[in-house]
Amino acid sequence: METTVNTLLDHHHKLEKYYRFHSRIYDLTRWSFLFGRKKIMRLLPELPTDSSILEVGCGTGQNLGRLLDHYPNSEITGLDVSESMLNVARQKWQKDPNIQLQKLPYGRSKNSTSKYDLIFFAYSLTMMGDDMATAIQQAYHELKPGGYIAVVDFNQAGTNWFQRWMQMNHVQMDGSVLKNLENTFTTEKLDVRNVYLNLWNYFMFIGKKG
């Protein structure tokens, strides 16, 4: 158990070190390879007017605004492990009463309760390392019955060298995230797309808790 905790803390430390610089340029540069973040908004399901939404790995908070536009009367919580990324998000949303931000890892809670209508992940599950599967399980337990999970993320690399390069940048690109989602939730919508002459593909997934 202690080894697992130390491994996770080391992973979070590496991510914070990585994002300490990248948080400054994230919104300006990620459009060129984090595809589907706008497209998945068109796939999102209808929710109750006063819905409760969680984004895991909210980063600089760019998707929080899109979610609020889509669900204007919802309560939205954004979680991230990077203080540097959250500092950027706070500049955007600290005065909005509908959005709450928390610095918190996801996937190890022992007190998960069914409270969210939608849990959203955008390019975060592939960066969670060994916490990926437990994060998906926690999302399942935290969704209300009939609640939805929405995920846009990397799927598979087209070449071994590119997969190794992405691993150096803390990204898991072996198809395991999508497989885990399909095994956990009822698939409502799925779209897999190739980019840059099949250098990699990404997916947009909407799943429902049975």
C-alpha atoms as a PDB file:
ATOM      1  CA  MET A   1       0.000   0.000   0.000  1.00  0.00           C
ATOM      2  CA  GLU A   2       2.768   2.456   0.902  1.00  0.00           C
ATOM      3  CA  THR A   3       4.530   1.690  -2.385  1.00  0.00           C
ATOM      4  CA  THR A   4       1.325   2.436  -4.316  1.00  0.00           C
ATOM      5  CA  VAL A   5       0.816   5.756  -2.512  1.00  0.00           C
ATOM      6  CA  ASN A   6       4.434   6.770  -3.124  1.00  0.00           C
ATOM      7  CA  THR A   7       4.106   5.875  -6.808  1.00  0.00           C
ATOM      8  CA  LEU A   8       0.975   8.016  -7.162  1.00  0.00           C
ATOM      9  CA  LEU A   9       2.551  10.943  -5.340  1.00  0.00           C
ATOM     10  CA  ASP A  10       5.577  10.700  -7.623  1.00  0.00           C
ATOM     11  CA  HIS A  11       3.275  10.670 -10.660  1.00  0.00           C
ATOM     12  CA  HIS A  12       1.403  13.754  -9.400  1.00  0.00           C
ATOM     13  CA  HIS A  13       4.715  15.509  -8.730  1.00  0.00           C
ATOM     14  CA  LYS A  14       5.878  14.806 -12.287  1.00  0.00           C
ATOM     15  CA  LEU A  15       2.620  16.135 -13.699  1.00  0.00           C
ATOM     16  CA  GLU A  16       2.864  19.327 -11.656  1.00  0.00           C
ATOM     17  CA  LYS A  17       6.446  19.841 -12.797  1.00  0.00           C
ATOM     18  CA  TYR A  18       5.354  19.289 -16.404  1.00  0.00           C
ATOM     19  CA  TYR A  19       2.433  21.717 -16.171  1.00  0.00           C
ATOM     20  CA  ARG A  20       4.327  24.409 -14.266  1.00  0.00           C
ATOM     21  CA  PHE A  21       5.593  25.601 -17.647  1.00  0.00           C
ATOM     22  CA  HIS A  22       2.868  24.264 -19.932  1.00  0.00           C
ATOM     23  CA  SER A  23       0.054  25.981 -18.015  1.00  0.00           C
ATOM     24  CA  ARG A  24       1.303  29.307 -19.424  1.00  0.00           C
ATOM     25  CA  ILE A  25       0.921  28.200 -23.051  1.00  0.00           C
ATOM     26  CA  TYR A  26      -1.696  25.449 -22.749  1.00  0.00           C
ATOM     27  CA  ASP A  27      -4.693  27.258 -24.220  1.00  0.00           C
ATOM     28  CA  LEU A  28      -2.617  28.663 -27.084  1.00  0.00           C
ATOM     29  CA  THR A  29      -1.040  25.390 -28.185  1.00  0.00           C
ATOM     30  CA  ARG A  30      -3.314  22.419 -27.428  1.00  0.00           C
ATOM     31  CA  TRP A  31      -5.759  23.127 -30.257  1.00  0.00           C
ATOM     32  CA  SER A  32      -3.283  21.459 -32.622  1.00  0.00           C
ATOM     33  CA  PHE A  33      -3.590  17.976 -31.099  1.00  0.00           C
ATOM     34  CA  LEU A  34      -6.315  17.847 -28.430  1.00  0.00           C
ATOM     35  CA  PHE A  35      -9.055  17.252 -30.969  1.00  0.00           C
ATOM     36  CA  GLY A  36     -12.740  16.733 -30.282  1.00  0.00           C
ATOM     37  CA  ARG A  37     -13.167  18.930 -27.215  1.00  0.00           C
ATOM     38  CA  LYS A  38     -15.707  21.133 -29.000  1.00  0.00           C
ATOM     39  CA  LYS A  39     -17.217  18.315 -31.062  1.00  0.00           C
ATOM     40  CA  ILE A  40     -18.112  16.219 -28.028  1.00  0.00           C
ATOM     41  CA  MET A  41     -20.302  19.056 -26.734  1.00  0.00           C
ATOM     42  CA  ARG A  42     -22.675  18.296 -29.619  1.00  0.00           C
ATOM     43  CA  LEU A  43     -22.950  14.689 -28.419  1.00  0.00           C
ATOM     44  CA  LEU A  44     -23.780  15.474 -24.792  1.00  0.00           C
ATOM     45  CA  PRO A  45     -27.157  14.241 -23.508  1.00  0.00           C
ATOM     46  CA  GLU A  46     -29.990  16.365 -22.182  1.00  0.00           C
ATOM     47  CA  LEU A  47     -29.892  16.726 -18.407  1.00  0.00           C
ATOM     48  CA  PRO A  48     -32.219  18.109 -15.732  1.00  0.00           C
ATOM     49  CA  THR A  49     -32.222  21.904 -15.493  1.00  0.00           C
ATOM     50  CA  ASP A  50     -30.468  21.909 -12.124  1.00  0.00           C
ATOM     51  CA  SER A  51     -27.986  19.178 -13.004  1.00  0.00           C
ATOM     52  CA  SER A  52     -24.752  18.499 -11.126  1.00  0.00           C
ATOM     53  CA  ILE A  53     -21.654  18.054 -13.278  1.00  0.00           C
ATOM     54  CA  LEU A  54     -18.062  17.096 -12.510  1.00  0.00           C
ATOM     55  CA  GLU A  55     -15.064  17.596 -14.780  1.00  0.00           C
ATOM     56  CA  VAL A  56     -12.067  15.511 -13.775  1.00  0.00           C
ATOM     57  CA  GLY A  57      -8.768  17.000 -14.912  1.00  0.00           C
ATOM     58  CA  CYS A  58     -10.256  20.408 -15.683  1.00  0.00           C
ATOM     59  CA  GLY A  59      -6.832  21.966 -16.295  1.00  0.00           C
ATOM     60  CA  THR A  60      -7.060  25.628 -17.256  1.00  0.00           C
ATOM     61  CA  GLY A  61     -10.853  25.530 -17.142  1.00  0.00           C
ATOM     62  CA  GLN A  62     -11.506  25.930 -20.852  1.00  0.00           C
ATOM     63  CA  ASN A  63     -14.045  23.103 -20.958  1.00  0.00           C
ATOM     64  CA  LEU A  64     -15.857  24.409 -17.873  1.00  0.00           C
ATOM     65  CA  GLY A  65     -17.107  27.345 -19.903  1.00  0.00           C
ATOM     66  CA  ARG A  66     -18.294  25.048 -22.687  1.00  0.00           C
ATOM     67  CA  LEU A  67     -20.141  22.879 -20.188  1.00  0.00           C
ATOM     68  CA  LEU A  68     -21.758  25.930 -18.614  1.00  0.00           C
ATOM     69  CA  ASP A  69     -22.866  27.172 -22.042  1.00  0.00           C
ATOM     70  CA  HIS A  70     -24.422  23.760 -22.695  1.00  0.00           C
ATOM     71  CA  TYR A  71     -25.991  23.462 -19.234  1.00  0.00           C
ATOM     72  CA  PRO A  72     -26.443  27.094 -18.074  1.00  0.00           C
ATOM     73  CA  ASN A  73     -28.237  26.336 -14.801  1.00  0.00           C
ATOM     74  CA  SER A  74     -26.013  23.485 -13.692  1.00  0.00           C
ATOM     75  CA  GLU A  75     -23.602  23.267 -10.802  1.00  0.00           C
ATOM     76  CA  ILE A  76     -20.164  22.403 -12.146  1.00  0.00           C
ATOM     77  CA  THR A  77     -17.155  21.213 -10.159  1.00  0.00           C
ATOM     78  CA  GLY A  78     -13.699  21.113 -11.715  1.00  0.00           C
ATOM     79  CA  LEU A  79     -10.958  18.921 -10.224  1.00  0.00           C
ATOM     80  CA  ASP A  80      -7.274  18.847 -11.028  1.00  0.00           C
ATOM     81  CA  VAL A  81      -4.033  17.771  -9.339  1.00  0.00           C
ATOM     82  CA  SER A  82      -1.992  20.615 -10.828  1.00  0.00           C
ATOM     83  CA  GLU A  83      -1.948  23.853  -8.846  1.00  0.00           C
ATOM     84  CA  SER A  84      -0.384  25.628 -11.828  1.00  0.00           C
ATOM     85  CA  MET A  85      -3.264  24.689 -14.124  1.00  0.00           C
ATOM     86  CA  LEU A  86      -5.873  25.531 -11.497  1.00  0.00           C
ATOM     87  CA  ASN A  87      -4.347  28.979 -11.010  1.00  0.00           C
ATOM     88  CA  VAL A  88      -5.156  29.694 -14.665  1.00  0.00           C
ATOM     89  CA  ALA A  89      -8.684  28.297 -14.224  1.00  0.00           C
ATOM     90  CA  ARG A  90      -9.260  30.462 -11.144  1.00  0.00           C
ATOM     91  CA  GLN A  91      -8.477  33.592 -13.132  1.00  0.00           C
ATOM     92  CA  LYS A  92     -11.326  32.651 -15.479  1.00  0.00           C
ATOM     93  CA  TRP A  93     -13.961  31.303 -13.130  1.00  0.00           C
ATOM     94  CA  GLN A  94     -13.396  32.287  -9.505  1.00  0.00           C
ATOM     95  CA  LYS A  95     -16.238  34.833  -9.674  1.00  0.00           C
ATOM     96  CA  ASP A  96     -18.754  32.495 -11.338  1.00  0.00           C
ATOM     97  CA  PRO A  97     -21.164  31.047  -8.727  1.00  0.00           C
ATOM     98  CA  ASN A  98     -21.954  28.008 -10.873  1.00  0.00           C
ATOM     99  CA  ILE A  99     -18.342  26.780 -11.003  1.00  0.00           C
ATOM    100  CA  GLN A 100     -16.303  25.400  -8.112  1.00  0.00           C
ATOM    101  CA  LEU A 101     -12.629  24.402  -8.397  1.00  0.00           C
ATOM    102  CA  GLN A 102     -10.758  21.913  -6.231  1.00  0.00           C
ATOM    103  CA  LYS A 103      -7.197  20.622  -6.130  1.00  0.00           C
ATOM    104  CA  LEU A 104      -7.795  16.930  -5.635  1.00  0.00           C
ATOM    105  CA  PRO A 105      -6.629  13.623  -7.138  1.00  0.00           C
ATOM    106  CA  TYR A 106      -9.365  11.370  -8.474  1.00  0.00           C
ATOM    107  CA  GLY A 107      -9.788   7.632  -8.271  1.00  0.00           C
ATOM    108  CA  ARG A 108      -8.922   6.760  -4.668  1.00  0.00           C
ATOM    109  CA  SER A 109     -11.942   7.983  -2.735  1.00  0.00           C
ATOM    110  CA  LYS A 110     -13.456   5.516  -0.265  1.00  0.00           C
ATOM    111  CA  ASN A 111     -16.623   7.593   0.193  1.00  0.00           C
ATOM    112  CA  SER A 112     -17.996   7.814  -3.326  1.00  0.00           C
ATOM    113  CA  THR A 113     -21.703   8.641  -3.459  1.00  0.00           C
ATOM    114  CA  SER A 114     -24.129   8.888  -6.371  1.00  0.00           C
ATOM    115  CA  LYS A 115     -24.485  12.630  -6.838  1.00  0.00           C
ATOM    116  CA  TYR A 116     -23.576  13.658 -10.399  1.00  0.00           C
ATOM    117  CA  ASP A 117     -25.732  13.688 -13.523  1.00  0.00           C
ATOM    118  CA  LEU A 118     -22.658  13.901 -15.747  1.00  0.00           C
ATOM    119  CA  ILE A 119     -18.943  13.308 -15.255  1.00  0.00           C
ATOM    120  CA  PHE A 120     -16.682  14.671 -17.974  1.00  0.00           C
ATOM    121  CA  PHE A 121     -13.088  13.759 -18.822  1.00  0.00           C
ATOM    122  CA  ALA A 122     -11.158  15.571 -21.564  1.00  0.00           C
ATOM    123  CA  TYR A 123      -7.669  14.224 -22.226  1.00  0.00           C
ATOM    124  CA  SER A 124      -7.172  13.362 -18.565  1.00  0.00           C
ATOM    125  CA  LEU A 125      -7.688   9.601 -18.251  1.00  0.00           C
ATOM    126  CA  THR A 126      -4.708   8.803 -20.490  1.00  0.00           C
ATOM    127  CA  MET A 127      -2.525  10.877 -18.149  1.00  0.00           C
ATOM    128  CA  MET A 128      -3.552   9.119 -14.940  1.00  0.00           C
ATOM    129  CA  GLY A 129      -1.214   6.156 -15.234  1.00  0.00           C
ATOM    130  CA  ASP A 130      -2.126   3.409 -12.756  1.00  0.00           C
ATOM    131  CA  ASP A 131      -5.052   5.513 -11.480  1.00  0.00           C
ATOM    132  CA  MET A 132      -6.951   5.321 -14.779  1.00  0.00           C
ATOM    133  CA  ALA A 133      -9.024   2.213 -14.022  1.00  0.00           C
ATOM    134  CA  THR A 134      -9.833   3.288 -10.469  1.00  0.00           C
ATOM    135  CA  ALA A 135     -10.885   6.736 -11.733  1.00  0.00           C
ATOM    136  CA  ILE A 136     -13.371   5.114 -14.115  1.00  0.00           C
ATOM    137  CA  GLN A 137     -14.715   2.972 -11.283  1.00  0.00           C
ATOM    138  CA  GLN A 138     -15.070   5.998  -9.017  1.00  0.00           C
ATOM    139  CA  ALA A 139     -16.920   7.830 -11.771  1.00  0.00           C
ATOM    140  CA  TYR A 140     -19.333   4.904 -12.031  1.00  0.00           C
ATOM    141  CA  HIS A 141     -20.065   5.029  -8.303  1.00  0.00           C
ATOM    142  CA  GLU A 142     -20.395   8.829  -8.219  1.00  0.00           C
ATOM    143  CA  LEU A 143     -22.921   8.982 -11.040  1.00  0.00           C
ATOM    144  CA  LYS A 144     -26.590   8.968 -10.211  1.00  0.00           C
ATOM    145  CA  PRO A 145     -28.553   5.983 -11.591  1.00  0.00           C
ATOM    146  CA  GLY A 146     -28.967   6.671 -15.290  1.00  0.00           C
ATOM    147  CA  GLY A 147     -26.198   9.277 -15.168  1.00  0.00           C
ATOM    148  CA  TYR A 148     -23.720   9.835 -18.004  1.00  0.00           C
ATOM    149  CA  ILE A 149     -19.989   9.822 -18.506  1.00  0.00           C
ATOM    150  CA  ALA A 150     -18.508  11.809 -21.387  1.00  0.00           C
ATOM    151  CA  VAL A 151     -14.898  11.277 -22.459  1.00  0.00           C
ATOM    152  CA  VAL A 152     -12.735  12.651 -25.233  1.00  0.00           C
ATOM    153  CA  ASP A 153      -9.184  11.350 -25.235  1.00  0.00           C
ATOM    154  CA  PHE A 154      -6.329   9.743 -27.100  1.00  0.00           C
ATOM    155  CA  ASN A 155      -6.922   6.150 -28.122  1.00  0.00           C
ATOM    156  CA  GLN A 156      -4.065   4.471 -29.986  1.00  0.00           C
ATOM    157  CA  ALA A 157      -0.806   5.559 -31.592  1.00  0.00           C
ATOM    158  CA  GLY A 158      -0.193   4.607 -35.196  1.00  0.00           C
ATOM    159  CA  THR A 159       3.478   3.788 -34.621  1.00  0.00           C
ATOM    160  CA  ASN A 160       5.565   2.422 -31.760  1.00  0.00           C
ATOM    161  CA  TRP A 161       7.927   5.389 -31.727  1.00  0.00           C
ATOM    162  CA  PHE A 162       5.053   7.840 -31.318  1.00  0.00           C
ATOM    163  CA  GLN A 163       3.564   5.753 -28.504  1.00  0.00           C
ATOM    164  CA  ARG A 164       6.926   5.811 -26.711  1.00  0.00           C
ATOM    165  CA  TRP A 165       7.209   9.564 -27.249  1.00  0.00           C
ATOM    166  CA  MET A 166       3.776  10.131 -25.723  1.00  0.00           C
ATOM    167  CA  GLN A 167       4.686   7.940 -22.753  1.00  0.00           C
ATOM    168  CA  MET A 168       7.622  10.283 -22.143  1.00  0.00           C
ATOM    169  CA  ASN A 169       5.021  13.059 -21.956  1.00  0.00           C
ATOM    170  CA  HIS A 170       2.940  11.092 -19.403  1.00  0.00           C
ATOM    171  CA  VAL A 171       0.305   9.954 -21.931  1.00  0.00           C
ATOM    172  CA  GLN A 172      -0.915   6.362 -22.170  1.00  0.00           C
ATOM    173  CA  MET A 173      -1.875   5.665 -25.794  1.00  0.00           C
ATOM    174  CA  ASP A 174      -2.568   1.926 -25.995  1.00  0.00           C
ATOM    175  CA  GLY A 175      -6.351   1.738 -26.360  1.00  0.00           C
ATOM    176  CA  SER A 176      -6.897   0.613 -22.768  1.00  0.00           C
ATOM    177  CA  VAL A 177      -8.959   3.649 -21.721  1.00  0.00           C
ATOM    178  CA  LEU A 178     -11.678   3.070 -24.311  1.00  0.00           C
ATOM    179  CA  LYS A 179     -11.798  -0.663 -23.575  1.00  0.00           C
ATOM    180  CA  ASN A 180     -12.232   0.044 -19.876  1.00  0.00           C
ATOM    181  CA  LEU A 181     -15.034   2.520 -20.542  1.00  0.00           C
ATOM    182  CA  GLU A 182     -16.878   0.090 -22.810  1.00  0.00           C
ATOM    183  CA  ASN A 183     -16.585  -2.633 -20.168  1.00  0.00           C
ATOM    184  CA  THR A 184     -17.954  -0.363 -17.424  1.00  0.00           C
ATOM    185  CA  PHE A 185     -20.724   1.692 -19.042  1.00  0.00           C
ATOM    186  CA  THR A 186     -23.483   1.171 -21.589  1.00  0.00           C
ATOM    187  CA  THR A 187     -22.247   2.839 -24.762  1.00  0.00           C
ATOM    188  CA  GLU A 188     -24.609   5.564 -25.963  1.00  0.00           C
ATOM    189  CA  LYS A 189     -22.368   7.215 -28.560  1.00  0.00           C
ATOM    190  CA  LEU A 190     -18.865   6.450 -29.817  1.00  0.00           C
ATOM    191  CA  ASP A 191     -16.811   8.154 -32.494  1.00  0.00           C
ATOM    192  CA  VAL A 192     -13.170   7.212 -33.230  1.00  0.00           C
ATOM    193  CA  ARG A 193     -11.204   9.430 -35.617  1.00  0.00           C
ATOM    194  CA  ASN A 194      -7.727   9.282 -37.150  1.00  0.00           C
ATOM    195  CA  VAL A 195      -5.554  12.396 -37.365  1.00  0.00           C
ATOM    196  CA  TYR A 196      -2.341  13.397 -39.114  1.00  0.00           C
ATOM    197  CA  LEU A 197      -2.291  10.449 -41.553  1.00  0.00           C
ATOM    198  CA  ASN A 198      -3.060   7.985 -38.745  1.00  0.00           C
ATOM    199  CA  LEU A 199      -0.217   9.141 -36.507  1.00  0.00           C
ATOM    200  CA  TRP A 200      -2.772   8.480 -33.785  1.00  0.00           C
ATOM    201  CA  ASN A 201      -6.526   8.316 -33.267  1.00  0.00           C
ATOM    202  CA  TYR A 202      -8.779   9.763 -30.615  1.00  0.00           C
ATOM    203  CA  PHE A 203     -12.269   8.921 -29.431  1.00  0.00           C
ATOM    204  CA  MET A 204     -15.407  10.631 -28.191  1.00  0.00           C
ATOM    205  CA  PHE A 205     -17.449   8.429 -25.869  1.00  0.00           C
ATOM    206  CA  ILE A 206     -20.793   8.930 -24.162  1.00  0.00           C
ATOM    207  CA  GLY A 207     -21.676   6.176 -21.697  1.00  0.00           C
ATOM    208  CA  LYS A 208     -24.591   5.606 -19.364  1.00  0.00           C
ATOM    209  CA  LYS A 209     -24.683   4.072 -15.911  1.00  0.00           C
ATOM    210  CA  GLY A 210     -27.037   1.104 -15.985  1.00  0.00           C
END
